[in-house]
Amino acid sequence: NYADSVKGRFTISRDNAKNTVHLQMNSLKLEDTAVYYCTPIPR
């Protein structure tokens, strides 16, 4: 599931074997500037 503002540009993935989660961000825009956090949901 993606926020409307990033649909088509960002891709989230997870690798349970490696205990990692990734966020591929393409076509970045000025408004993507932020601190990014990873979390279980619910946190």
All heavy atoms as atom14 arrays in JSON, in Angstrom:
{
  "sequence": "NYADSVKGRFTISRDNAKNTVHLQMNSLKLEDTAVYYCTPIPR",
  "atom14_mask": [
    [1, 1, 1, 1, 1, 1, 1, 1, 0, 0, 0, 0, 0, 0],
    [1, 1, 1, 1, 1, 1, 1, 1, 1, 1, 1, 1, 0, 0],
    [1, 1, 1, 1, 1, 0, 0, 0, 0, 0, 0, 0, 0, 0],
    [1, 1, 1, 1, 1, 1, 1, 1, 0, 0, 0, 0, 0, 0],
    [1, 1, 1, 1, 1, 1, 0, 0, 0, 0, 0, 0, 0, 0],
    [1, 1, 1, 1, 1, 1, 1, 0, 0, 0, 0, 0, 0, 0],
    [1, 1, 1, 1, 1, 1, 1, 1, 1, 0, 0, 0, 0, 0],
    [1, 1, 1, 1, 0, 0, 0, 0, 0, 0, 0, 0, 0, 0],
    [1, 1, 1, 1, 1, 1, 1, 1, 1, 1, 1, 0, 0, 0],
    [1, 1, 1, 1, 1, 1, 1, 1, 1, 1, 1, 0, 0, 0],
    [1, 1, 1, 1, 1, 1, 1, 0, 0, 0, 0, 0, 0, 0],
    [1, 1, 1, 1, 1, 1, 1, 1, 0, 0, 0, 0, 0, 0],
    [1, 1, 1, 1, 1, 1, 0, 0, 0, 0, 0, 0, 0, 0],
    [1, 1, 1, 1, 1, 1, 1, 1, 1, 1, 1, 0, 0, 0],
    [1, 1, 1, 1, 1, 1, 1, 1, 0, 0, 0, 0, 0, 0],
    [1, 1, 1, 1, 1, 1, 1, 1, 0, 0, 0, 0, 0, 0],
    [1, 1, 1, 1, 1, 0, 0, 0, 0, 0, 0, 0, 0, 0],
    [1, 1, 1, 1, 1, 1, 1, 1, 1, 0, 0, 0, 0, 0],
    [1, 1, 1, 1, 1, 1, 1, 1, 0, 0, 0, 0, 0, 0],
    [1, 1, 1, 1, 1, 1, 1, 0, 0, 0, 0, 0, 0, 0],
    [1, 1, 1, 1, 1, 1, 1, 0, 0, 0, 0, 0, 0, 0],
    [1, 1, 1, 1, 1, 1, 1, 1, 1, 1, 0, 0, 0, 0],
    [1, 1, 1, 1, 1, 1, 1, 1, 0, 0, 0, 0, 0, 0],
    [1, 1, 1, 1, 1, 1, 1, 1, 1, 0, 0, 0, 0, 0],
    [1, 1, 1, 1, 1, 1, 1, 1, 0, 0, 0, 0, 0, 0],
    [1, 1, 1, 1, 1, 1, 1, 1, 0, 0, 0, 0, 0, 0],
    [1, 1, 1, 1, 1, 1, 0, 0, 0, 0, 0, 0, 0, 0],
    [1, 1, 1, 1, 1, 1, 1, 1, 0, 0, 0, 0, 0, 0],
    [1, 1, 1, 1, 1, 1, 1, 1, 1, 0, 0, 0, 0, 0],
    [1, 1, 1, 1, 1, 1, 1, 1, 0, 0, 0, 0, 0, 0],
    [1, 1, 1, 1, 1, 1, 1, 1, 1, 0, 0, 0, 0, 0],
    [1, 1, 1, 1, 1, 1, 1, 1, 0, 0, 0, 0, 0, 0],
    [1, 1, 1, 1, 1, 1, 1, 0, 0, 0, 0, 0, 0, 0],
    [1, 1, 1, 1, 1, 0, 0, 0, 0, 0, 0, 0, 0, 0],
    [1, 1, 1, 1, 1, 1, 1, 0, 0, 0, 0, 0, 0, 0],
    [1, 1, 1, 1, 1, 1, 1, 1, 1, 1, 1, 1, 0, 0],
    [1, 1, 1, 1, 1, 1, 1, 1, 1, 1, 1, 1, 0, 0],
    [1, 1, 1, 1, 1, 1, 0, 0, 0, 0, 0, 0, 0, 0],
    [1, 1, 1, 1, 1, 1, 1, 0, 0, 0, 0, 0, 0, 0],
    [1, 1, 1, 1, 1, 1, 1, 0, 0, 0, 0, 0, 0, 0],
    [1, 1, 1, 1, 1, 1, 1, 1, 0, 0, 0, 0, 0, 0],
    [1, 1, 1, 1, 1, 1, 1, 0, 0, 0, 0, 0, 0, 0],
    [1, 1, 1, 1, 1, 1, 1, 1, 1, 1, 1, 0, 0, 0]
  ],
  "atom14_positions": [
    [[0.86, -1.18, 0.0], [0.0, 0.0, 0.0], [0.9, 1.23, 0.0], [1.94, 1.23, 0.69], [-0.91, 0.01, 1.23], [-1.99, 1.05, 1.13], [-2.5, 1.31, 0.05], [-2.34, 1.65, 2.25], [0.0, 0.0, 0.0], [0.0, 0.0, 0.0], [0.0, 0.0, 0.0], [0.0, 0.0, 0.0], [0.0, 0.0, 0.0], [0.0, 0.0, 0.0]],
    [[0.52, 2.24, -0.78], [1.36, 3.43, -0.91], [0.54, 4.7, -0.72], [-0.65, 4.77, -1.06], [1.99, 3.49, -2.31], [2.93, 2.34, -2.6], [2.48, 1.2, -3.23], [4.27, 2.4, -2.21], [3.33, 0.13, -3.49], [5.14, 1.34, -2.47], [4.66, 0.21, -3.1], [5.51, -0.84, -3.34], [0.0, 0.0, 0.0], [0.0, 0.0, 0.0]],
    [[1.2, 5.71, -0.21], [0.59, 7.04, -0.19], [0.42, 7.5, -1.64], [1.25, 7.17, -2.5], [1.47, 8.01, 0.57], [0.0, 0.0, 0.0], [0.0, 0.0, 0.0], [0.0, 0.0, 0.0], [0.0, 0.0, 0.0], [0.0, 0.0, 0.0], [0.0, 0.0, 0.0], [0.0, 0.0, 0.0], [0.0, 0.0, 0.0], [0.0, 0.0, 0.0]],
    [[-0.63, 8.24, -1.88], [-0.89, 8.7, -3.25], [0.29, 9.48, -3.81], [0.58, 9.42, -5.01], [-2.14, 9.58, -3.27], [-3.42, 8.78, -3.1], [-3.38, 7.54, -3.28], [-4.45, 9.39, -2.77], [0.0, 0.0, 0.0], [0.0, 0.0, 0.0], [0.0, 0.0, 0.0], [0.0, 0.0, 0.0], [0.0, 0.0, 0.0], [0.0, 0.0, 0.0]],
    [[0.98, 10.19, -2.95], [2.06, 11.06, -3.39], [3.28, 10.3, -3.91], [4.13, 10.88, -4.59], [2.5, 11.99, -2.25], [2.92, 11.23, -1.14], [0.0, 0.0, 0.0], [0.0, 0.0, 0.0], [0.0, 0.0, 0.0], [0.0, 0.0, 0.0], [0.0, 0.0, 0.0], [0.0, 0.0, 0.0], [0.0, 0.0, 0.0], [0.0, 0.0, 0.0]],
    [[3.37, 9.0, -3.6], [4.54, 8.23, -4.03], [4.2, 7.07, -4.96], [5.1, 6.38, -5.44], [5.35, 7.71, -2.82], [5.69, 8.84, -1.86], [4.61, 6.59, -2.11], [0.0, 0.0, 0.0], [0.0, 0.0, 0.0], [0.0, 0.0, 0.0], [0.0, 0.0, 0.0], [0.0, 0.0, 0.0], [0.0, 0.0, 0.0], [0.0, 0.0, 0.0]],
    [[2.93, 6.86, -5.2], [2.52, 5.75, -6.07], [3.18, 5.86, -7.44], [3.22, 6.93, -8.04], [1.01, 5.74, -6.23], [0.27, 5.11, -5.07], [-1.24, 5.11, -5.3], [-1.97, 4.53, -4.11], [-3.44, 4.59, -4.28], [0.0, 0.0, 0.0], [0.0, 0.0, 0.0], [0.0, 0.0, 0.0], [0.0, 0.0, 0.0], [0.0, 0.0, 0.0]],
    [[3.7, 4.73, -7.91], [4.36, 4.71, -9.21], [5.82, 5.12, -9.16], [6.54, 4.97, -10.15], [0.0, 0.0, 0.0], [0.0, 0.0, 0.0], [0.0, 0.0, 0.0], [0.0, 0.0, 0.0], [0.0, 0.0, 0.0], [0.0, 0.0, 0.0], [0.0, 0.0, 0.0], [0.0, 0.0, 0.0], [0.0, 0.0, 0.0], [0.0, 0.0, 0.0]],
    [[6.26, 5.65, -8.02], [7.66, 6.08, -7.89], [8.42, 5.27, -6.85], [9.62, 5.04, -7.01], [7.73, 7.56, -7.53], [7.06, 8.48, -8.53], [7.33, 9.95, -8.21], [6.78, 10.35, -6.91], [7.51, 10.82, -5.9], [8.82, 10.95, -6.03], [6.92, 11.19, -4.77], [0.0, 0.0, 0.0], [0.0, 0.0, 0.0], [0.0, 0.0, 0.0]],
    [[7.74, 4.88, -5.79], [8.38, 4.14, -4.69], [7.93, 2.68, -4.71], [6.78, 2.39, -5.06], [8.0, 4.74, -3.35], [8.6, 6.09, -3.06], [9.25, 6.84, -4.04], [8.52, 6.62, -1.77], [9.8, 8.08, -3.75], [9.07, 7.86, -1.47], [9.7, 8.59, -2.47], [0.0, 0.0, 0.0], [0.0, 0.0, 0.0], [0.0, 0.0, 0.0]],
    [[8.83, 1.81, -4.3], [8.51, 0.39, -4.18], [9.04, -0.15, -2.86], [10.23, -0.02, -2.58], [9.12, -0.42, -5.33], [8.67, 0.1, -6.59], [8.73, -1.88, -5.22], [0.0, 0.0, 0.0], [0.0, 0.0, 0.0], [0.0, 0.0, 0.0], [0.0, 0.0, 0.0], [0.0, 0.0, 0.0], [0.0, 0.0, 0.0], [0.0, 0.0, 0.0]],
    [[8.16, -0.72, -2.07], [8.56, -1.32, -0.8], [8.72, -2.82, -1.0], [7.97, -3.44, -1.77], [7.52, -1.01, 0.31], [8.05, -1.48, 1.67], [6.16, -1.62, -0.01], [7.18, -1.03, 2.85], [0.0, 0.0, 0.0], [0.0, 0.0, 0.0], [0.0, 0.0, 0.0], [0.0, 0.0, 0.0], [0.0, 0.0, 0.0], [0.0, 0.0, 0.0]],
    [[9.7, -3.38, -0.32], [9.91, -4.83, -0.39], [10.44, -5.3, 0.96], [10.92, -4.5, 1.76], [10.89, -5.18, -1.51], [12.16, -4.6, -1.28], [0.0, 0.0, 0.0], [0.0, 0.0, 0.0], [0.0, 0.0, 0.0], [0.0, 0.0, 0.0], [0.0, 0.0, 0.0], [0.0, 0.0, 0.0], [0.0, 0.0, 0.0], [0.0, 0.0, 0.0]],
    [[10.34, -6.6, 1.19], [10.85, -7.17, 2.43], [11.5, -8.51, 2.15], [11.09, -9.23, 1.23], [9.76, -7.31, 3.49], [8.67, -8.28, 3.15], [7.5, -8.18, 4.13], [7.84, -8.71, 5.46], [7.06, -8.57, 6.53], [5.92, -7.92, 6.44], [7.42, -9.07, 7.69], [0.0, 0.0, 0.0], [0.0, 0.0, 0.0], [0.0, 0.0, 0.0]],
    [[12.49, -8.83, 2.95], [13.17, -10.12, 2.85], [13.2, -10.7, 4.26], [14.06, -10.36, 5.07], [14.58, -9.94, 2.29], [15.28, -11.26, 2.04], [14.9, -12.28, 2.65], [16.24, -11.27, 1.25], [0.0, 0.0, 0.0], [0.0, 0.0, 0.0], [0.0, 0.0, 0.0], [0.0, 0.0, 0.0], [0.0, 0.0, 0.0], [0.0, 0.0, 0.0]],
    [[12.24, -11.57, 4.55], [12.14, -12.12, 5.91], [13.36, -12.98, 6.26], [13.74, -13.07, 7.42], [10.87, -12.95, 6.05], [9.62, -12.09, 6.11], [9.71, -10.87, 6.27], [8.46, -12.7, 5.97], [0.0, 0.0, 0.0], [0.0, 0.0, 0.0], [0.0, 0.0, 0.0], [0.0, 0.0, 0.0], [0.0, 0.0, 0.0], [0.0, 0.0, 0.0]],
    [[13.98, -13.59, 5.27], [15.16, -14.41, 5.53], [16.34, -13.57, 6.01], [17.16, -14.03, 6.81], [15.55, -15.18, 4.27], [0.0, 0.0, 0.0], [0.0, 0.0, 0.0], [0.0, 0.0, 0.0], [0.0, 0.0, 0.0], [0.0, 0.0, 0.0], [0.0, 0.0, 0.0], [0.0, 0.0, 0.0], [0.0, 0.0, 0.0], [0.0, 0.0, 0.0]],
    [[16.39, -12.34, 5.53], [17.48, -11.44, 5.91], [17.03, -10.38, 6.92], [17.83, -9.54, 7.33], [18.05, -10.75, 4.68], [18.71, -11.7, 3.69], [19.31, -10.96, 2.51], [19.99, -11.93, 1.54], [20.57, -11.21, 0.37], [0.0, 0.0, 0.0], [0.0, 0.0, 0.0], [0.0, 0.0, 0.0], [0.0, 0.0, 0.0], [0.0, 0.0, 0.0]],
    [[15.76, -10.45, 7.3], [15.21, -9.5, 8.28], [15.43, -8.05, 7.84], [15.87, -7.2, 8.62], [15.8, -9.74, 9.67], [15.47, -11.11, 10.18], [14.33, -11.56, 10.07], [16.45, -11.8, 10.73], [0.0, 0.0, 0.0], [0.0, 0.0, 0.0], [0.0, 0.0, 0.0], [0.0, 0.0, 0.0], [0.0, 0.0, 0.0], [0.0, 0.0, 0.0]],
    [[15.12, -7.8, 6.59], [15.29, -6.46, 6.06], [14.04, -6.0, 5.3], [13.27, -6.83, 4.79], [16.48, -6.38, 5.09], [16.31, -7.36, 4.05], [17.79, -6.63, 5.8], [0.0, 0.0, 0.0], [0.0, 0.0, 0.0], [0.0, 0.0, 0.0], [0.0, 0.0, 0.0], [0.0, 0.0, 0.0], [0.0, 0.0, 0.0], [0.0, 0.0, 0.0]],
    [[13.88, -4.71, 5.28], [12.81, -4.07, 4.51], [13.47, -2.95, 3.7], [14.34, -2.24, 4.22], [11.72, -3.49, 5.42], [10.59, -2.89, 4.58], [11.17, -4.55, 6.36], [0.0, 0.0, 0.0], [0.0, 0.0, 0.0], [0.0, 0.0, 0.0], [0.0, 0.0, 0.0], [0.0, 0.0, 0.0], [0.0, 0.0, 0.0], [0.0, 0.0, 0.0]],
    [[13.07, -2.83, 2.46], [13.68, -1.82, 1.6], [12.62, -0.88, 1.04], [11.44, -1.24, 0.92], [14.43, -2.49, 0.45], [15.55, -3.36, 0.89], [16.75, -2.86, 1.34], [15.65, -4.71, 0.97], [17.54, -3.85, 1.66], [16.91, -4.99, 1.46], [0.0, 0.0, 0.0], [0.0, 0.0, 0.0], [0.0, 0.0, 0.0], [0.0, 0.0, 0.0]],
    [[13.08, 0.31, 0.67], [12.22, 1.26, -0.02], [13.01, 1.82, -1.19], [13.96, 2.58, -1.0], [11.77, 2.39, 0.91], [10.75, 3.36, 0.29], [9.41, 2.63, 0.06], [10.54, 4.57, 1.2], [0.0, 0.0, 0.0], [0.0, 0.0, 0.0], [0.0, 0.0, 0.0], [0.0, 0.0, 0.0], [0.0, 0.0, 0.0], [0.0, 0.0, 0.0]],
    [[12.65, 1.39, -2.39], [13.26, 1.92, -3.61], [12.51, 3.17, -4.0], [11.3, 3.13, -4.21], [13.2, 0.88, -4.73], [13.78, 1.37, -6.05], [15.27, 1.61, -5.98], [16.01, 0.81, -5.43], [15.72, 2.72, -6.57], [0.0, 0.0, 0.0], [0.0, 0.0, 0.0], [0.0, 0.0, 0.0], [0.0, 0.0, 0.0], [0.0, 0.0, 0.0]],
    [[13.25, 4.27, -4.1], [12.63, 5.55, -4.41], [13.2, 6.07, -5.72], [14.4, 6.33, -5.84], [12.9, 6.55, -3.28], [12.5, 6.04, -1.91], [12.63, 7.3, -0.62], [14.39, 7.61, -0.66], [0.0, 0.0, 0.0], [0.0, 0.0, 0.0], [0.0, 0.0, 0.0], [0.0, 0.0, 0.0], [0.0, 0.0, 0.0], [0.0, 0.0, 0.0]],
    [[12.34, 6.21, -6.71], [12.73, 6.71, -8.01], [12.02, 8.03, -8.3], [11.05, 8.38, -7.64], [12.37, 5.69, -9.1], [13.09, 4.37, -8.92], [14.22, 4.31, -8.43], [12.43, 3.29, -9.32], [0.0, 0.0, 0.0], [0.0, 0.0, 0.0], [0.0, 0.0, 0.0], [0.0, 0.0, 0.0], [0.0, 0.0, 0.0], [0.0, 0.0, 0.0]],
    [[12.53, 8.74, -9.29], [11.93, 10.02, -9.71], [11.68, 10.92, -8.51], [10.59, 11.47, -8.33], [10.62, 9.75, -10.46], [10.84, 8.92, -11.58], [0.0, 0.0, 0.0], [0.0, 0.0, 0.0], [0.0, 0.0, 0.0], [0.0, 0.0, 0.0], [0.0, 0.0, 0.0], [0.0, 0.0, 0.0], [0.0, 0.0, 0.0], [0.0, 0.0, 0.0]],
    [[12.69, 11.05, -7.69], [12.53, 11.82, -6.45], [12.22, 13.28, -6.73], [12.72, 13.89, -7.69], [13.79, 11.69, -5.6], [13.89, 10.34, -4.86], [15.32, 10.07, -4.41], [12.94, 10.32, -3.67], [0.0, 0.0, 0.0], [0.0, 0.0, 0.0], [0.0, 0.0, 0.0], [0.0, 0.0, 0.0], [0.0, 0.0, 0.0], [0.0, 0.0, 0.0]],
    [[11.38, 13.82, -5.86], [10.95, 15.21, -5.96], [11.42, 15.99, -4.73], [11.72, 15.39, -3.68], [9.42, 15.27, -6.05], [8.83, 14.51, -7.22], [7.32, 14.58, -7.19], [6.7, 13.83, -8.35], [5.21, 13.89, -8.34], [0.0, 0.0, 0.0], [0.0, 0.0, 0.0], [0.0, 0.0, 0.0], [0.0, 0.0, 0.0], [0.0, 0.0, 0.0]],
    [[11.44, 17.3, -4.85], [11.85, 18.13, -3.72], [11.02, 17.81, -2.49], [11.54, 17.79, -1.36], [11.72, 19.61, -4.09], [12.59, 20.14, -5.21], [12.31, 21.61, -5.46], [14.06, 19.92, -4.89], [0.0, 0.0, 0.0], [0.0, 0.0, 0.0], [0.0, 0.0, 0.0], [0.0, 0.0, 0.0], [0.0, 0.0, 0.0], [0.0, 0.0, 0.0]],
    [[9.73, 17.55, -2.7], [8.83, 17.31, -1.57], [9.02, 15.95, -0.91], [8.37, 15.65, 0.08], [7.37, 17.48, -2.0], [6.97, 16.67, -3.23], [7.05, 17.49, -4.51], [8.0, 18.29, -4.66], [6.16, 17.31, -5.36], [0.0, 0.0, 0.0], [0.0, 0.0, 0.0], [0.0, 0.0, 0.0], [0.0, 0.0, 0.0], [0.0, 0.0, 0.0]],
    [[9.92, 15.14, -1.45], [10.24, 13.87, -0.8], [11.29, 14.06, 0.3], [11.61, 13.11, 1.03], [10.76, 12.86, -1.82], [9.71, 12.45, -2.84], [8.54, 12.26, -2.43], [10.05, 12.32, -4.03], [0.0, 0.0, 0.0], [0.0, 0.0, 0.0], [0.0, 0.0, 0.0], [0.0, 0.0, 0.0], [0.0, 0.0, 0.0], [0.0, 0.0, 0.0]],
    [[11.83, 15.25, 0.4], [12.82, 15.54, 1.44], [12.2, 15.33, 2.82], [11.17, 15.93, 3.14], [13.34, 16.97, 1.31], [14.06, 17.1, 0.08], [14.25, 17.34, 2.47], [0.0, 0.0, 0.0], [0.0, 0.0, 0.0], [0.0, 0.0, 0.0], [0.0, 0.0, 0.0], [0.0, 0.0, 0.0], [0.0, 0.0, 0.0], [0.0, 0.0, 0.0]],
    [[12.83, 14.47, 3.61], [12.29, 14.12, 4.92], [13.23, 13.14, 5.6], [14.16, 12.62, 4.97], [10.9, 13.49, 4.78], [0.0, 0.0, 0.0], [0.0, 0.0, 0.0], [0.0, 0.0, 0.0], [0.0, 0.0, 0.0], [0.0, 0.0, 0.0], [0.0, 0.0, 0.0], [0.0, 0.0, 0.0], [0.0, 0.0, 0.0], [0.0, 0.0, 0.0]],
    [[12.95, 12.89, 6.87], [13.59, 11.77, 7.56], [12.66, 10.57, 7.41], [11.46, 10.67, 7.68], [13.84, 12.09, 9.04], [14.5, 10.89, 9.73], [14.72, 13.32, 9.19], [0.0, 0.0, 0.0], [0.0, 0.0, 0.0], [0.0, 0.0, 0.0], [0.0, 0.0, 0.0], [0.0, 0.0, 0.0], [0.0, 0.0, 0.0], [0.0, 0.0, 0.0]],
    [[13.21, 9.45, 6.99], [12.43, 8.25, 6.72], [12.67, 7.23, 7.83], [13.81, 6.99, 8.24], [12.81, 7.67, 5.37], [12.25, 8.47, 4.21], [12.74, 9.72, 3.89], [11.2, 7.97, 3.44], [12.21, 10.46, 2.85], [10.66, 8.69, 2.39], [11.18, 9.93, 2.1], [10.65, 10.67, 1.07], [0.0, 0.0, 0.0], [0.0, 0.0, 0.0]],
    [[11.56, 6.64, 8.28], [11.59, 5.69, 9.38], [10.94, 4.37, 8.97], [9.92, 4.36, 8.28], [10.83, 6.24, 10.59], [11.32, 7.55, 11.11], [10.83, 8.75, 10.59], [12.26, 7.61, 12.14], [11.27, 9.97, 11.08], [12.7, 8.83, 12.63], [12.2, 10.0, 12.1], [12.63, 11.22, 12.59], [0.0, 0.0, 0.0], [0.0, 0.0, 0.0]],
    [[11.5, 3.3, 9.48], [10.95, 1.96, 9.27], [10.29, 1.53, 10.57], [10.83, 1.76, 11.66], [12.08, 1.02, 8.89], [11.67, -0.71, 8.81], [0.0, 0.0, 0.0], [0.0, 0.0, 0.0], [0.0, 0.0, 0.0], [0.0, 0.0, 0.0], [0.0, 0.0, 0.0], [0.0, 0.0, 0.0], [0.0, 0.0, 0.0], [0.0, 0.0, 0.0]],
    [[9.15, 0.86, 10.48], [8.48, 0.45, 11.7], [7.5, -0.68, 11.42], [6.96, -0.79, 10.32], [7.7, 1.64, 12.32], [7.07, 1.2, 13.52], [6.63, 2.15, 11.37], [0.0, 0.0, 0.0], [0.0, 0.0, 0.0], [0.0, 0.0, 0.0], [0.0, 0.0, 0.0], [0.0, 0.0, 0.0], [0.0, 0.0, 0.0], [0.0, 0.0, 0.0]],
    [[7.27, -1.54, 12.43], [6.15, -2.46, 12.3], [4.85, -1.65, 12.39], [4.82, -0.56, 12.98], [6.27, -3.37, 13.54], [7.65, -3.15, 14.06], [8.02, -1.75, 13.68], [0.0, 0.0, 0.0], [0.0, 0.0, 0.0], [0.0, 0.0, 0.0], [0.0, 0.0, 0.0], [0.0, 0.0, 0.0], [0.0, 0.0, 0.0], [0.0, 0.0, 0.0]],
    [[3.81, -2.18, 11.8], [2.5, -1.54, 11.89], [1.52, -2.57, 12.44], [1.33, -3.61, 11.81], [2.01, -1.04, 10.51], [2.98, 0.02, 9.96], [0.61, -0.46, 10.62], [2.67, 0.47, 8.56], [0.0, 0.0, 0.0], [0.0, 0.0, 0.0], [0.0, 0.0, 0.0], [0.0, 0.0, 0.0], [0.0, 0.0, 0.0], [0.0, 0.0, 0.0]],
    [[0.9, -2.33, 13.59], [1.04, -1.12, 14.39], [2.39, -1.04, 15.08], [3.03, -2.07, 15.31], [-0.09, -1.28, 15.42], [-0.28, -2.75, 15.54], [-0.04, -3.29, 14.17], [0.0, 0.0, 0.0], [0.0, 0.0, 0.0], [0.0, 0.0, 0.0], [0.0, 0.0, 0.0], [0.0, 0.0, 0.0], [0.0, 0.0, 0.0], [0.0, 0.0, 0.0]],
    [[2.8, 0.18, 15.35], [4.11, 0.39, 15.96], [4.06, 0.05, 17.45], [3.22, 0.56, 18.17], [4.55, 1.85, 15.78], [5.94, 2.14, 16.3], [6.36, 3.55, 15.93], [5.47, 4.54, 16.51], [5.61, 5.04, 17.72], [6.61, 4.63, 18.48], [4.78, 5.95, 18.17], [0.0, 0.0, 0.0], [0.0, 0.0, 0.0], [0.0, 0.0, 0.0]]
  ]
}
